[in-house]
Amino acid sequence: MTIRLAVGRLEGIGEISGDAKSKTLKVEYEPSVLTVEAVQEALNQIGYESVPVT
């Protein structure tokens, strides 16, 4: 499963953009619907570690 599919299937996700060169992912989400921890868990389930940056 790709990152876009794993994260994009979550309710409350807006825009997703990534940069392979810098190994970063920007995820816009609706905090009243979804938590940062839920996004991190979706990434962890497909083998990626994540650190939130605000």
PDB file of N, CA and C in Angstrom:
ATOM      1  N   MET A   1       0.843  -1.174   0.000  1.00  0.00           N
ATOM      2  CA  MET A   1       0.000   0.000   0.000  1.00  0.00           C
ATOM      3  C   MET A   1       0.893   1.243   0.000  1.00  0.00           C
ATOM      4  N   THR A   2       0.504   2.238  -0.766  1.00  0.00           N
ATOM      5  CA  THR A   2       1.278   3.475  -0.819  1.00  0.00           C
ATOM      6  C   THR A   2       0.904   4.400   0.337  1.00  0.00           C
ATOM      7  N   ILE A   3       1.770   5.345   0.596  1.00  0.00           N
ATOM      8  CA  ILE A   3       1.495   6.336   1.642  1.00  0.00           C
ATOM      9  C   ILE A   3       0.202   7.075   1.328  1.00  0.00           C
ATOM     10  N   ARG A   4       0.049   7.501   0.094  1.00  0.00           N
ATOM     11  CA  ARG A   4      -1.150   8.256  -0.292  1.00  0.00           C
ATOM     12  C   ARG A   4      -2.419   7.441  -0.043  1.00  0.00           C
ATOM     13  N   LEU A   5      -2.398   6.163  -0.335  1.00  0.00           N
ATOM     14  CA  LEU A   5      -3.567   5.316  -0.086  1.00  0.00           C
ATOM     15  C   LEU A   5      -3.801   5.106   1.405  1.00  0.00           C
ATOM     16  N   ALA A   6      -2.733   4.837   2.150  1.00  0.00           N
ATOM     17  CA  ALA A   6      -2.864   4.559   3.581  1.00  0.00           C
ATOM     18  C   ALA A   6      -3.405   5.759   4.340  1.00  0.00           C
ATOM     19  N   VAL A   7      -2.903   6.935   4.036  1.00  0.00           N
ATOM     20  CA  VAL A   7      -3.325   8.142   4.744  1.00  0.00           C
ATOM     21  C   VAL A   7      -4.602   8.713   4.126  1.00  0.00           C
ATOM     22  N   GLY A   8      -4.690   8.670   2.819  1.00  0.00           N
ATOM     23  CA  GLY A   8      -5.835   9.247   2.122  1.00  0.00           C
ATOM     24  C   GLY A   8      -7.159   8.584   2.424  1.00  0.00           C
ATOM     25  N   ARG A   9      -7.137   7.354   2.897  1.00  0.00           N
ATOM     26  CA  ARG A   9      -8.388   6.652   3.210  1.00  0.00           C
ATOM     27  C   ARG A   9      -8.979   7.077   4.549  1.00  0.00           C
ATOM     28  N   LEU A  10      -8.216   7.828   5.333  1.00  0.00           N
ATOM     29  CA  LEU A  10      -8.689   8.272   6.639  1.00  0.00           C
ATOM     30  C   LEU A  10      -9.681   9.422   6.484  1.00  0.00           C
ATOM     31  N   GLU A  11     -10.769   9.358   7.234  1.00  0.00           N
ATOM     32  CA  GLU A  11     -11.743  10.442   7.214  1.00  0.00           C
ATOM     33  C   GLU A  11     -11.119  11.683   7.848  1.00  0.00           C
ATOM     34  N   GLY A  12     -11.265  12.825   7.193  1.00  0.00           N
ATOM     35  CA  GLY A  12     -10.725  14.067   7.722  1.00  0.00           C
ATOM     36  C   GLY A  12      -9.444  14.519   7.051  1.00  0.00           C
ATOM     37  N   ILE A  13      -8.935  13.717   6.113  1.00  0.00           N
ATOM     38  CA  ILE A  13      -7.708  14.077   5.395  1.00  0.00           C
ATOM     39  C   ILE A  13      -8.037  15.054   4.279  1.00  0.00           C
ATOM     40  N   GLY A  14      -7.199  16.076   4.161  1.00  0.00           N
ATOM     41  CA  GLY A  14      -7.317  17.040   3.072  1.00  0.00           C
ATOM     42  C   GLY A  14      -6.227  16.775   2.053  1.00  0.00           C
ATOM     43  N   GLU A  15      -5.326  17.719   1.905  1.00  0.00           N
ATOM     44  CA  GLU A  15      -4.245  17.611   0.924  1.00  0.00           C
ATOM     45  C   GLU A  15      -3.074  16.802   1.478  1.00  0.00           C
ATOM     46  N   ILE A  16      -2.474  15.996   0.606  1.00  0.00           N
ATOM     47  CA  ILE A  16      -1.285  15.215   0.941  1.00  0.00           C
ATOM     48  C   ILE A  16      -0.224  15.537  -0.109  1.00  0.00           C
ATOM     49  N   SER A  17       0.963  15.921   0.349  1.00  0.00           N
ATOM     50  CA  SER A  17       2.057  16.154  -0.594  1.00  0.00           C
ATOM     51  C   SER A  17       3.349  15.641   0.017  1.00  0.00           C
ATOM     52  N   GLY A  18       4.183  15.071  -0.829  1.00  0.00           N
ATOM     53  CA  GLY A  18       5.433  14.502  -0.341  1.00  0.00           C
ATOM     54  C   GLY A  18       6.618  14.928  -1.175  1.00  0.00           C
ATOM     55  N   ASP A  19       7.789  14.816  -0.571  1.00  0.00           N
ATOM     56  CA  ASP A  19       9.044  15.133  -1.248  1.00  0.00           C
ATOM     57  C   ASP A  19      10.020  13.999  -0.955  1.00  0.00           C
ATOM     58  N   ALA A  20      10.257  13.158  -1.952  1.00  0.00           N
ATOM     59  CA  ALA A  20      11.135  11.997  -1.766  1.00  0.00           C
ATOM     60  C   ALA A  20      12.563  12.413  -1.437  1.00  0.00           C
ATOM     61  N   LYS A  21      13.024  13.504  -2.035  1.00  0.00           N
ATOM     62  CA  LYS A  21      14.400  13.946  -1.806  1.00  0.00           C
ATOM     63  C   LYS A  21      14.641  14.304  -0.338  1.00  0.00           C
ATOM     64  N   SER A  22      13.716  15.039   0.260  1.00  0.00           N
ATOM     65  CA  SER A  22      13.878  15.438   1.663  1.00  0.00           C
ATOM     66  C   SER A  22      13.206  14.463   2.629  1.00  0.00           C
ATOM     67  N   LYS A  23      12.560  13.440   2.067  1.00  0.00           N
ATOM     68  CA  LYS A  23      11.872  12.422   2.870  1.00  0.00           C
ATOM     69  C   LYS A  23      10.847  13.041   3.814  1.00  0.00           C
ATOM     70  N   THR A  24      10.065  13.979   3.262  1.00  0.00           N
ATOM     71  CA  THR A  24       9.032  14.627   4.065  1.00  0.00           C
ATOM     72  C   THR A  24       7.654  14.420   3.443  1.00  0.00           C
ATOM     73  N   LEU A  25       6.661  14.483   4.298  1.00  0.00           N
ATOM     74  CA  LEU A  25       5.273  14.341   3.886  1.00  0.00           C
ATOM     75  C   LEU A  25       4.478  15.427   4.587  1.00  0.00           C
ATOM     76  N   LYS A  26       3.692  16.162   3.834  1.00  0.00           N
ATOM     77  CA  LYS A  26       2.821  17.185   4.410  1.00  0.00           C
ATOM     78  C   LYS A  26       1.388  16.689   4.278  1.00  0.00           C
ATOM     79  N   VAL A  27       0.695  16.641   5.407  1.00  0.00           N
ATOM     80  CA  VAL A  27      -0.680  16.161   5.430  1.00  0.00           C
ATOM     81  C   VAL A  27      -1.550  17.232   6.069  1.00  0.00           C
ATOM     82  N   GLU A  28      -2.545  17.692   5.335  1.00  0.00           N
ATOM     83  CA  GLU A  28      -3.525  18.606   5.907  1.00  0.00           C
ATOM     84  C   GLU A  28      -4.722  17.769   6.329  1.00  0.00           C
ATOM     85  N   TYR A  29      -5.221  18.038   7.530  1.00  0.00           N
ATOM     86  CA  TYR A  29      -6.328  17.246   8.054  1.00  0.00           C
ATOM     87  C   TYR A  29      -7.234  18.112   8.904  1.00  0.00           C
ATOM     88  N   GLU A  30      -8.427  17.609   9.164  1.00  0.00           N
ATOM     89  CA  GLU A  30      -9.413  18.297   9.987  1.00  0.00           C
ATOM     90  C   GLU A  30      -9.291  17.790  11.418  1.00  0.00           C
ATOM     91  N   PRO A  31      -8.721  18.595  12.335  1.00  0.00           N
ATOM     92  CA  PRO A  31      -8.472  18.123  13.699  1.00  0.00           C
ATOM     93  C   PRO A  31      -9.732  17.780  14.489  1.00  0.00           C
ATOM     94  N   SER A  32     -10.877  18.270  14.069  1.00  0.00           N
ATOM     95  CA  SER A  32     -12.114  17.902  14.765  1.00  0.00           C
ATOM     96  C   SER A  32     -12.583  16.501  14.380  1.00  0.00           C
ATOM     97  N   VAL A  33     -11.981  15.943  13.328  1.00  0.00           N
ATOM     98  CA  VAL A  33     -12.366  14.621  12.831  1.00  0.00           C
ATOM     99  C   VAL A  33     -11.262  13.589  13.039  1.00  0.00           C
ATOM    100  N   LEU A  34     -10.010  14.016  12.981  1.00  0.00           N
ATOM    101  CA  LEU A  34      -8.869  13.109  12.938  1.00  0.00           C
ATOM    102  C   LEU A  34      -7.746  13.623  13.832  1.00  0.00           C
ATOM    103  N   THR A  35      -7.015  12.699  14.459  1.00  0.00           N
ATOM    104  CA  THR A  35      -5.881  13.091  15.303  1.00  0.00           C
ATOM    105  C   THR A  35      -4.557  12.841  14.575  1.00  0.00           C
ATOM    106  N   VAL A  36      -3.536  13.532  15.018  1.00  0.00           N
ATOM    107  CA  VAL A  36      -2.187  13.308  14.493  1.00  0.00           C
ATOM    108  C   VAL A  36      -1.785  11.858  14.739  1.00  0.00           C
ATOM    109  N   GLU A  37      -2.149  11.345  15.898  1.00  0.00           N
ATOM    110  CA  GLU A  37      -1.802   9.959  16.249  1.00  0.00           C
ATOM    111  C   GLU A  37      -2.414   8.956  15.277  1.00  0.00           C
ATOM    112  N   ALA A  38      -3.607   9.223  14.785  1.00  0.00           N
ATOM    113  CA  ALA A  38      -4.239   8.323  13.814  1.00  0.00           C
ATOM    114  C   ALA A  38      -3.480   8.333  12.491  1.00  0.00           C
ATOM    115  N   VAL A  39      -3.003   9.499  12.085  1.00  0.00           N
ATOM    116  CA  VAL A  39      -2.203   9.595  10.861  1.00  0.00           C
ATOM    117  C   VAL A  39      -0.893   8.840  11.053  1.00  0.00           C
ATOM    118  N   GLN A  40      -0.254   9.037  12.198  1.00  0.00           N
ATOM    119  CA  GLN A  40       0.993   8.328  12.491  1.00  0.00           C
ATOM    120  C   GLN A  40       0.775   6.817  12.485  1.00  0.00           C
ATOM    121  N   GLU A  41      -0.309   6.353  13.060  1.00  0.00           N
ATOM    122  CA  GLU A  41      -0.593   4.915  13.104  1.00  0.00           C
ATOM    123  C   GLU A  41      -0.774   4.352  11.693  1.00  0.00           C
ATOM    124  N   ALA A  42      -1.462   5.092  10.828  1.00  0.00           N
ATOM    125  CA  ALA A  42      -1.635   4.648   9.439  1.00  0.00           C
ATOM    126  C   ALA A  42      -0.283   4.506   8.751  1.00  0.00           C
ATOM    127  N   LEU A  43       0.620   5.437   9.005  1.00  0.00           N
ATOM    128  CA  LEU A  43       1.965   5.355   8.428  1.00  0.00           C
ATOM    129  C   LEU A  43       2.763   4.207   9.039  1.00  0.00           C
ATOM    130  N   ASN A  44       2.663   4.032  10.339  1.00  0.00           N
ATOM    131  CA  ASN A  44       3.366   2.933  11.016  1.00  0.00           C
ATOM    132  C   ASN A  44       2.925   1.576  10.475  1.00  0.00           C
ATOM    133  N   GLN A  45       1.644   1.430  10.186  1.00  0.00           N
ATOM    134  CA  GLN A  45       1.114   0.153   9.707  1.00  0.00           C
ATOM    135  C   GLN A  45       1.693  -0.262   8.363  1.00  0.00           C
ATOM    136  N   ILE A  46       2.177   0.699   7.588  1.00  0.00           N
ATOM    137  CA  ILE A  46       2.788   0.337   6.299  1.00  0.00           C
ATOM    138  C   ILE A  46       4.308   0.480   6.332  1.00  0.00           C
ATOM    139  N   GLY A  47       4.864   0.603   7.544  1.00  0.00           N
ATOM    140  CA  GLY A  47       6.313   0.537   7.696  1.00  0.00           C
ATOM    141  C   GLY A  47       7.068   1.848   7.739  1.00  0.00           C
ATOM    142  N   TYR A  48       6.373   2.957   7.913  1.00  0.00           N
ATOM    143  CA  TYR A  48       7.040   4.257   7.974  1.00  0.00           C
ATOM    144  C   TYR A  48       6.973   4.829   9.380  1.00  0.00           C
ATOM    145  N   GLU A  49       8.049   5.462   9.800  1.00  0.00           N
ATOM    146  CA  GLU A  49       8.054   6.199  11.057  1.00  0.00           C
ATOM    147  C   GLU A  49       7.704   7.643  10.736  1.00  0.00           C
ATOM    148  N   SER A  50       7.103   8.323  11.705  1.00  0.00           N
ATOM    149  CA  SER A  50       6.765   9.725  11.475  1.00  0.00           C
ATOM    150  C   SER A  50       6.969  10.544  12.737  1.00  0.00           C
ATOM    151  N   VAL A  51       7.266  11.805  12.515  1.00  0.00           N
ATOM    152  CA  VAL A  51       7.420  12.769  13.601  1.00  0.00           C
ATOM    153  C   VAL A  51       6.606  13.991  13.205  1.00  0.00           C
ATOM    154  N   PRO A  52       5.597  14.346  13.991  1.00  0.00           N
ATOM    155  CA  PRO A  52       4.784  15.510  13.631  1.00  0.00           C
ATOM    156  C   PRO A  52       5.574  16.815  13.752  1.00  0.00           C
ATOM    157  N   VAL A  53       5.330  17.695  12.805  1.00  0.00           N
ATOM    158  CA  VAL A  53       5.926  19.028  12.804  1.00  0.00           C
ATOM    159  C   VAL A  53       4.777  20.006  12.601  1.00  0.00           C
ATOM    160  N   THR A  54       4.718  21.010  13.441  1.00  0.00           N
ATOM    161  CA  THR A  54       3.619  21.977  13.304  1.00  0.00           C
ATOM    162  C   THR A  54       4.102  23.269  12.714  1.00  0.00           C
TER     163      THR A  54
END
